[in-house]
Amino acid sequence: MTQRGIFLFLAGAGGVIAGLAAIAYMGGYRVNLTPSEPLGLWRIVALQRPVEAGDLVFICPPVTASFEEARRRGYVRRGLCPRGFAPLIKTVAALPGQHVEIGANVTVDGRPLPSSIVRTSDGEGRPITPFKTGIVPLRNLFLHSSFASSYDSRYFGPVPDTGLLGLAQPVLTFKP
């Protein structure tokens, strides 16, 4: 094969891959490369009902100083949400009006939240400040991941539900 033939083949293959990726993206498919949930292909499914505690959701983080710092530290990746954040995949642990208490672990309305140890430093030894205890405000969600080192509402607090993209449905995932 000539150099021109190889170039045309690679350009065509690249175009096909880019086209398939665009179609998948428009269909709500996303690739998760973070350890907070299983790695692999996920799909954003539109909510046909109000969000409930226990729902696994895709949500765009709010544009705040704490999320800017989280991106600088590598807790949050780049993506297509406002300000270039990647959407988070998290479980809704508490809804508006529920009381969240953060100590050594998290409790919601007095019930312990499983796998919710609160750390005082990240994996590189940098201090990380837990969110303060309180009531989840209206139009906000308290998010959680059972992954011990997850950056979730234990540290950034409740987030506005306006960033909610939909339910997170695993399509082809695996745990390393």
Protein backbone atom coordinates (compact mmCIF):
# COMPACT_ATOMS: atom_id res chain seq x y z
CA MET A 1 0.00 0.00 0.00
CA THR A 2 1.28 3.48 -0.82
CA GLN A 3 1.71 6.29 1.69
CA ARG A 4 -1.31 8.02 0.15
CA GLY A 5 -3.39 4.85 0.54
CA ILE A 6 -2.39 4.46 4.18
CA PHE A 7 -3.23 8.11 4.83
CA LEU A 8 -6.64 7.79 3.19
CA PHE A 9 -7.39 4.61 5.12
CA LEU A 10 -6.43 6.19 8.47
CA ALA A 11 -8.37 9.38 7.69
CA GLY A 12 -11.44 7.35 6.75
CA ALA A 13 -11.18 5.17 9.86
CA GLY A 14 -10.76 8.28 12.01
CA GLY A 15 -13.83 9.83 10.40
CA VAL A 16 -15.90 6.69 11.06
CA ILE A 17 -14.77 6.56 14.70
CA ALA A 18 -15.51 10.29 15.18
CA GLY A 19 -18.95 9.84 13.60
CA LEU A 20 -19.79 6.86 15.82
CA ALA A 21 -18.60 8.78 18.89
CA ALA A 22 -20.80 11.76 17.97
CA ILE A 23 -23.85 9.52 17.47
CA ALA A 24 -23.20 7.77 20.80
CA TYR A 25 -22.81 11.11 22.57
CA MET A 26 -26.06 12.44 21.14
CA GLY A 27 -27.74 9.20 22.24
CA GLY A 28 -26.72 9.88 25.85
CA TYR A 29 -23.84 7.42 26.03
CA ARG A 30 -20.80 8.31 28.12
CA VAL A 31 -17.58 6.58 29.09
CA ASN A 32 -16.70 6.55 32.78
CA LEU A 33 -12.99 6.43 33.51
CA THR A 34 -13.23 7.32 37.22
CA PRO A 35 -13.17 4.83 40.11
CA SER A 36 -16.30 6.27 41.78
CA GLU A 37 -18.48 3.89 39.75
CA PRO A 38 -17.56 0.91 37.53
CA LEU A 39 -15.45 1.77 34.50
CA GLY A 40 -17.00 1.53 31.07
CA LEU A 41 -19.94 2.63 28.96
CA TRP A 42 -22.93 4.31 30.62
CA ARG A 43 -26.11 5.88 29.33
CA ILE A 44 -27.98 8.95 30.54
CA VAL A 45 -31.68 8.04 30.81
CA ALA A 46 -34.22 10.86 31.04
CA LEU A 47 -36.10 10.98 34.33
CA GLN A 48 -39.81 10.29 33.89
CA ARG A 49 -40.50 10.97 37.59
CA PRO A 50 -39.10 13.07 40.42
CA VAL A 51 -35.62 12.09 41.56
CA GLU A 52 -35.57 9.80 44.62
CA ALA A 53 -33.02 8.91 47.27
CA GLY A 54 -31.08 5.90 46.01
CA ASP A 55 -31.18 6.98 42.35
CA LEU A 56 -27.86 6.76 40.53
CA VAL A 57 -27.64 9.94 38.45
CA PHE A 58 -25.53 11.93 36.03
CA ILE A 59 -25.24 15.53 37.19
CA CYS A 60 -23.22 18.55 36.10
CA PRO A 61 -21.40 20.10 39.04
CA PRO A 62 -22.12 23.75 39.79
CA VAL A 63 -19.56 26.35 38.83
CA THR A 64 -18.10 27.15 42.24
CA ALA A 65 -14.68 27.85 43.70
CA SER A 66 -14.69 24.44 45.42
CA PHE A 67 -15.20 22.65 42.08
CA GLU A 68 -12.52 24.78 40.40
CA GLU A 69 -10.13 23.70 43.18
CA ALA A 70 -11.32 20.10 42.80
CA ARG A 71 -10.45 20.20 39.10
CA ARG A 72 -6.99 21.65 39.87
CA ARG A 73 -6.42 18.81 42.34
CA GLY A 74 -7.66 16.20 39.85
CA TYR A 75 -10.82 15.16 41.72
CA VAL A 76 -13.06 16.27 38.84
CA ARG A 77 -12.30 15.76 35.17
CA ARG A 78 -12.83 17.98 32.14
CA GLY A 79 -15.99 17.51 30.13
CA LEU A 80 -18.93 19.19 28.45
CA CYS A 81 -20.77 20.59 31.47
CA PRO A 82 -20.63 24.35 32.14
CA ARG A 83 -17.08 25.67 32.71
CA GLY A 84 -15.67 22.49 31.19
CA PHE A 85 -16.47 20.08 34.04
CA ALA A 86 -17.28 16.44 33.35
CA PRO A 87 -20.62 15.17 34.65
CA LEU A 88 -20.52 13.23 37.90
CA ILE A 89 -22.06 9.80 38.42
CA LYS A 90 -23.31 9.69 42.00
CA THR A 91 -26.09 8.21 44.13
CA VAL A 92 -28.66 10.59 45.56
CA ALA A 93 -28.24 10.11 49.33
CA ALA A 94 -30.52 12.88 50.59
CA LEU A 95 -33.26 15.11 49.21
CA PRO A 96 -34.39 18.64 50.13
CA GLY A 97 -35.48 18.91 53.74
CA GLN A 98 -33.46 15.93 54.94
CA HIS A 99 -30.89 16.46 57.71
CA VAL A 100 -27.33 15.43 56.90
CA GLU A 101 -24.81 15.15 59.71
CA ILE A 102 -21.13 14.82 58.90
CA GLY A 103 -18.77 13.47 61.55
CA ALA A 104 -16.48 10.45 61.19
CA ASN A 105 -19.23 9.09 58.89
CA VAL A 106 -22.35 10.58 57.32
CA THR A 107 -25.87 10.16 58.66
CA VAL A 108 -29.08 11.14 56.90
CA ASP A 109 -32.02 11.84 59.21
CA GLY A 110 -30.14 9.97 61.95
CA ARG A 111 -29.52 6.84 59.84
CA PRO A 112 -25.88 5.99 59.01
CA LEU A 113 -25.01 6.19 55.32
CA PRO A 114 -23.09 3.01 54.35
CA SER A 115 -19.52 3.44 53.09
CA SER A 116 -19.36 7.08 54.14
CA ILE A 117 -16.11 7.48 56.07
CA VAL A 118 -15.12 11.14 56.02
CA ARG A 119 -11.44 11.77 55.33
CA THR A 120 -9.37 14.75 56.43
CA SER A 121 -6.78 14.40 53.64
CA ASP A 122 -6.79 13.21 50.05
CA GLY A 123 -4.66 10.45 48.49
CA GLU A 124 -1.70 12.82 48.21
CA GLY A 125 -1.89 13.93 51.84
CA ARG A 126 -3.41 17.32 51.07
CA PRO A 127 -6.01 18.50 53.59
CA ILE A 128 -9.63 18.14 52.49
CA THR A 129 -12.38 19.85 54.44
CA PRO A 130 -15.68 18.07 54.99
CA PHE A 131 -18.93 19.89 54.38
CA LYS A 132 -20.76 21.23 57.41
CA THR A 133 -23.78 19.46 58.83
CA GLY A 134 -27.19 20.79 57.82
CA ILE A 135 -30.51 20.50 56.03
CA VAL A 136 -30.44 19.88 52.27
CA PRO A 137 -31.91 23.08 50.74
CA LEU A 138 -34.79 23.15 48.28
CA ARG A 139 -33.82 22.26 44.69
CA ASN A 140 -30.58 20.60 45.90
CA LEU A 141 -29.35 17.01 46.21
CA PHE A 142 -26.83 15.42 48.55
CA LEU A 143 -24.72 13.01 46.47
CA HIS A 144 -22.67 10.01 47.53
CA SER A 145 -20.44 7.29 46.14
CA SER A 146 -19.50 4.18 48.09
CA PHE A 147 -15.93 4.43 46.72
CA ALA A 148 -13.91 5.42 49.81
CA SER A 149 -11.89 8.15 48.05
CA SER A 150 -14.79 9.61 46.11
CA TYR A 151 -15.17 13.37 45.93
CA ASP A 152 -18.85 13.78 46.73
CA SER A 153 -21.21 15.82 48.92
CA ARG A 154 -19.25 14.78 52.02
CA TYR A 155 -16.82 17.47 50.85
CA PHE A 156 -18.64 19.80 48.45
CA GLY A 157 -22.09 19.73 50.07
CA PRO A 158 -25.50 19.61 48.38
CA VAL A 159 -25.62 20.62 44.71
CA PRO A 160 -28.41 22.29 42.72
CA ASP A 161 -30.71 19.84 40.95
CA THR A 162 -30.62 22.10 37.88
CA GLY A 163 -27.47 20.21 36.82
CA LEU A 164 -29.32 16.88 36.80
CA LEU A 165 -28.90 15.20 33.40
CA GLY A 166 -30.79 11.97 34.15
CA LEU A 167 -30.44 8.52 35.61
CA ALA A 168 -27.12 6.73 35.14
CA GLN A 169 -27.58 3.33 33.51
CA PRO A 170 -24.58 1.01 33.10
CA VAL A 171 -24.35 -0.45 29.59
CA LEU A 172 -21.00 -2.24 29.47
CA THR A 173 -19.03 -1.82 32.68
CA PHE A 174 -16.47 -3.65 34.77
CA LYS A 175 -14.79 -3.25 38.15
CA PRO A 176 -11.00 -3.37 37.95
